[in-house]
């Protein structure tokens, strides 16, 4: 395996019709996500088919953290996320992911179908190397379980601390004490999640021989 060419992320908003402001929430959140990942995107994340979201990224993109940031920017909505690793053979010159095609799209759809019956937020990867993605998905079974228990305040503390690098700087942004930032990150088991993410990010980029 010479490396991953592209990632396609297809996301289903769970029970979107039960959320009166689901689409406005999604549009605002996706605008922020696209701005944060502008240099890595091949196609912006956009709403598609009403309650689906799709976007495409290069194979070197920080896909693991993007998944968490996708959930963060769409807080209030439960997401099933299917990630496909593979090629994009047509439509790369197009503006939207749904105008493109290739194995990355087929794998992304297969990954989403794999978790379609789940009623809580879940993540699934698919690609040519089955063993690789089975390992990744095993980790995500644990990561999703932990993150599904995070409160909004814990999500905000984790994101602020990740960007700021210190509890003190994050505290200024959040308007709380550094001790409270630390407590929220600790309650979220952030150190364990971050360590798992670091492992997965490196593992996904490893070439298979």
Protein backbone atom coordinates (compact mmCIF):
# COMPACT_ATOMS: atom_id res chain seq x y z
CA UNK A 1 0.00 0.00 0.00
CA UNK A 2 1.61 3.21 -1.19
CA UNK A 3 -0.58 5.41 0.96
CA UNK A 4 -4.14 6.67 0.98
CA UNK A 5 -5.14 8.95 -1.88
CA UNK A 6 -8.33 10.41 -0.44
CA UNK A 7 -10.82 10.26 2.40
CA UNK A 8 -14.52 10.74 1.81
CA UNK A 9 -16.70 11.37 4.85
CA UNK A 10 -20.44 10.70 4.59
CA UNK A 11 -22.44 11.63 7.67
CA UNK A 12 -26.03 10.90 8.61
CA UNK A 13 -27.81 13.18 11.11
CA UNK A 14 -29.74 10.84 13.41
CA UNK A 15 -33.46 11.69 13.74
CA UNK A 16 -32.90 15.04 12.03
CA UNK A 17 -36.64 15.70 11.78
CA UNK A 18 -36.88 15.81 15.57
CA UNK A 19 -34.58 18.84 15.61
CA UNK A 20 -36.36 21.99 14.46
CA UNK A 21 -33.08 23.80 13.84
CA UNK A 22 -31.03 20.82 12.61
CA UNK A 23 -30.24 22.36 9.23
CA UNK A 24 -29.30 25.81 10.51
CA UNK A 25 -27.11 24.17 13.19
CA UNK A 26 -25.46 21.98 10.57
CA UNK A 27 -24.85 24.81 8.11
CA UNK A 28 -23.26 27.06 10.73
CA UNK A 29 -21.13 24.23 12.10
CA UNK A 30 -19.97 23.08 8.67
CA UNK A 31 -18.94 26.61 7.77
CA UNK A 32 -16.63 26.68 10.82
CA UNK A 33 -15.30 23.18 10.10
CA UNK A 34 -14.55 24.03 6.48
CA UNK A 35 -12.68 27.15 7.56
CA UNK A 36 -10.58 25.14 10.04
CA UNK A 37 -9.66 22.47 7.47
CA UNK A 38 -9.55 24.64 4.35
CA UNK A 39 -6.05 23.54 3.26
CA UNK A 40 -6.90 19.82 3.53
CA UNK A 41 -10.27 19.79 1.75
CA UNK A 42 -10.85 18.52 -1.78
CA UNK A 43 -14.56 19.32 -1.45
CA UNK A 44 -16.24 21.30 1.34
CA UNK A 45 -18.49 19.57 3.83
CA UNK A 46 -22.05 20.37 2.74
CA UNK A 47 -25.56 19.17 3.45
CA UNK A 48 -26.68 16.59 0.92
CA UNK A 49 -29.99 14.76 0.49
CA UNK A 50 -31.57 16.70 3.33
CA UNK A 51 -30.04 15.02 6.38
CA UNK A 52 -26.71 13.83 4.99
CA UNK A 53 -23.38 15.62 5.02
CA UNK A 54 -20.50 14.82 2.70
CA UNK A 55 -16.98 16.12 2.19
CA UNK A 56 -13.68 14.94 0.69
CA UNK A 57 -10.10 15.33 1.86
CA UNK A 58 -6.61 14.43 0.71
CA UNK A 59 -5.07 11.23 2.03
CA UNK A 60 -2.63 13.11 4.29
CA UNK A 61 -5.43 14.98 6.08
CA UNK A 62 -5.71 14.74 9.86
CA UNK A 63 -8.83 12.60 9.52
CA UNK A 64 -8.95 11.45 13.16
CA UNK A 65 -9.14 14.93 14.62
CA UNK A 66 -11.43 16.09 11.85
CA UNK A 67 -13.99 13.50 12.93
CA UNK A 68 -13.98 14.86 16.49
CA UNK A 69 -14.15 18.43 15.24
CA UNK A 70 -17.08 17.51 13.00
CA UNK A 71 -18.93 16.32 16.09
CA UNK A 72 -17.86 19.42 18.04
CA UNK A 73 -19.04 21.93 15.45
CA UNK A 74 -22.37 20.11 15.14
CA UNK A 75 -22.99 19.81 18.88
CA UNK A 76 -26.65 19.13 19.55
CA UNK A 77 -26.89 16.72 16.62
CA UNK A 78 -26.08 13.00 16.84
CA UNK A 79 -24.03 11.81 13.88
CA UNK A 80 -23.30 8.51 12.20
CA UNK A 81 -20.02 9.01 10.34
CA UNK A 82 -18.82 6.74 7.54
CA UNK A 83 -15.24 7.28 6.33
CA UNK A 84 -14.01 5.79 3.08
CA UNK A 85 -10.32 5.53 2.17
CA UNK A 86 -9.49 5.14 -1.50
CA UNK A 87 -9.46 6.87 -4.85
CA UNK A 88 -11.46 9.61 -6.52
CA UNK A 89 -11.51 8.89 -10.24
CA UNK A 90 -13.96 11.48 -11.57
CA UNK A 91 -15.12 14.96 -10.66
CA UNK A 92 -12.08 16.27 -8.79
CA UNK A 93 -12.48 19.55 -10.63
CA UNK A 94 -16.05 19.85 -9.32
CA UNK A 95 -17.10 21.95 -6.35
CA UNK A 96 -19.14 19.41 -4.37
CA UNK A 97 -18.36 15.88 -3.20
CA UNK A 98 -21.63 14.51 -4.59
CA UNK A 99 -20.39 15.47 -8.08
CA UNK A 100 -17.39 13.15 -7.70
CA UNK A 101 -16.98 9.37 -7.78
CA UNK A 102 -14.44 6.68 -6.98
CA UNK A 103 -13.64 3.90 -4.52
CA UNK A 104 -13.39 6.33 -1.58
CA UNK A 105 -17.07 7.17 -2.07
CA UNK A 106 -18.11 3.53 -2.30
CA UNK A 107 -16.17 2.67 0.86
CA UNK A 108 -17.65 5.68 2.68
CA UNK A 109 -21.18 4.56 1.82
CA UNK A 110 -20.40 0.99 2.86
CA UNK A 111 -19.01 2.25 6.19
CA UNK A 112 -22.15 4.30 6.82
CA UNK A 113 -24.37 1.35 5.93
CA UNK A 114 -22.46 -0.73 8.49
CA UNK A 115 -23.61 1.56 11.33
CA UNK A 116 -26.97 2.64 9.84
CA UNK A 117 -28.99 0.82 12.50
CA UNK A 118 -27.24 2.45 15.47
CA UNK A 119 -29.30 5.02 17.34
CA UNK A 120 -26.38 6.79 18.99
CA UNK A 121 -23.40 8.59 17.47
CA UNK A 122 -20.99 6.15 15.82
CA UNK A 123 -17.99 6.11 13.49
CA UNK A 124 -16.92 3.51 10.93
CA UNK A 125 -14.03 3.35 8.45
CA UNK A 126 -13.82 1.21 5.32
CA UNK A 127 -11.18 0.66 2.65
CA UNK A 128 -9.22 -1.99 0.79
CA UNK A 129 -7.12 -3.15 3.75
CA UNK A 130 -9.79 -4.82 5.91
CA UNK A 131 -7.51 -5.68 8.85
CA UNK A 132 -6.34 -2.09 9.10
CA UNK A 133 -9.86 -0.69 9.26
CA UNK A 134 -11.06 -3.38 11.65
CA UNK A 135 -8.41 -2.18 14.09
CA UNK A 136 -9.36 1.47 13.58
CA UNK A 137 -13.05 0.66 14.10
CA UNK A 138 -12.29 -1.23 17.30
CA UNK A 139 -10.68 1.93 18.69
CA UNK A 140 -13.61 4.03 17.56
CA UNK A 141 -16.00 1.75 19.40
CA UNK A 142 -14.29 2.95 22.58
CA UNK A 143 -13.77 6.58 21.53
CA UNK A 144 -17.42 6.99 20.51
CA UNK A 145 -18.59 5.49 23.80
CA UNK A 146 -16.51 8.01 25.75
CA UNK A 147 -17.41 11.04 23.62
CA UNK A 148 -21.12 10.21 23.67
CA UNK A 149 -20.98 10.90 27.42
CA UNK A 150 -19.36 14.32 27.11
CA UNK A 151 -21.41 17.33 28.14
CA UNK A 152 -21.39 20.50 26.04
CA UNK A 153 -19.13 22.11 28.64
CA UNK A 154 -16.68 19.21 28.40
CA UNK A 155 -16.64 19.44 24.59
CA UNK A 156 -15.92 23.17 24.86
CA UNK A 157 -13.18 22.67 27.44
CA UNK A 158 -11.46 19.97 25.38
CA UNK A 159 -11.53 22.09 22.22
CA UNK A 160 -10.32 25.24 23.97
CA UNK A 161 -7.52 23.39 25.77
CA UNK A 162 -6.45 21.59 22.60
CA UNK A 163 -6.13 24.89 20.72
CA UNK A 164 -4.70 26.96 23.59
CA UNK A 165 -2.21 24.41 24.91
CA UNK A 166 -2.65 25.47 28.55
CA UNK A 167 -5.52 25.42 31.02
CA UNK A 168 -4.84 29.08 31.86
CA UNK A 169 -5.23 30.29 28.28
CA UNK A 170 -8.27 28.08 27.70
CA UNK A 171 -9.80 29.45 30.91
CA UNK A 172 -9.59 33.01 29.61
CA UNK A 173 -11.46 32.02 26.46
CA UNK A 174 -14.15 30.12 28.38
CA UNK A 175 -14.48 32.64 31.19
CA UNK A 176 -13.87 30.07 33.94
CA UNK A 177 -10.97 29.16 36.21
CA UNK A 178 -8.05 27.03 34.97
CA UNK A 179 -9.00 24.49 37.64
CA UNK A 180 -12.46 24.11 36.11
CA UNK A 181 -11.00 23.64 32.64
CA UNK A 182 -8.76 20.91 34.03
CA UNK A 183 -11.68 19.25 35.83
CA UNK A 184 -13.81 19.20 32.70
CA UNK A 185 -10.99 17.73 30.61
CA UNK A 186 -10.29 15.15 33.29
CA UNK A 187 -13.97 14.19 33.53
CA UNK A 188 -13.98 13.77 29.74
CA UNK A 189 -10.97 11.40 29.97
CA UNK A 190 -9.31 13.70 27.46
CA UNK A 191 -5.76 12.39 28.00
CA UNK A 192 -6.87 8.86 27.12
CA UNK A 193 -8.82 10.02 24.07
CA UNK A 194 -5.92 12.18 22.86
CA UNK A 195 -3.50 9.27 23.23
CA UNK A 196 -5.82 6.97 21.26
CA UNK A 197 -6.20 9.62 18.56
CA UNK A 198 -2.43 10.05 18.27
CA UNK A 199 -2.02 6.30 17.85
CA UNK A 200 -4.77 6.10 15.22
CA UNK A 201 -3.45 9.08 13.26
CA UNK A 202 -0.02 7.43 13.00
CA UNK A 203 -1.46 3.96 12.38
CA UNK A 204 -3.69 5.11 9.51
CA UNK A 205 -0.70 6.73 7.79
CA UNK A 206 1.48 3.61 8.12
CA UNK A 207 2.14 1.83 4.87
CA UNK A 208 1.22 -1.86 4.71
CA UNK A 209 3.93 -4.10 3.39
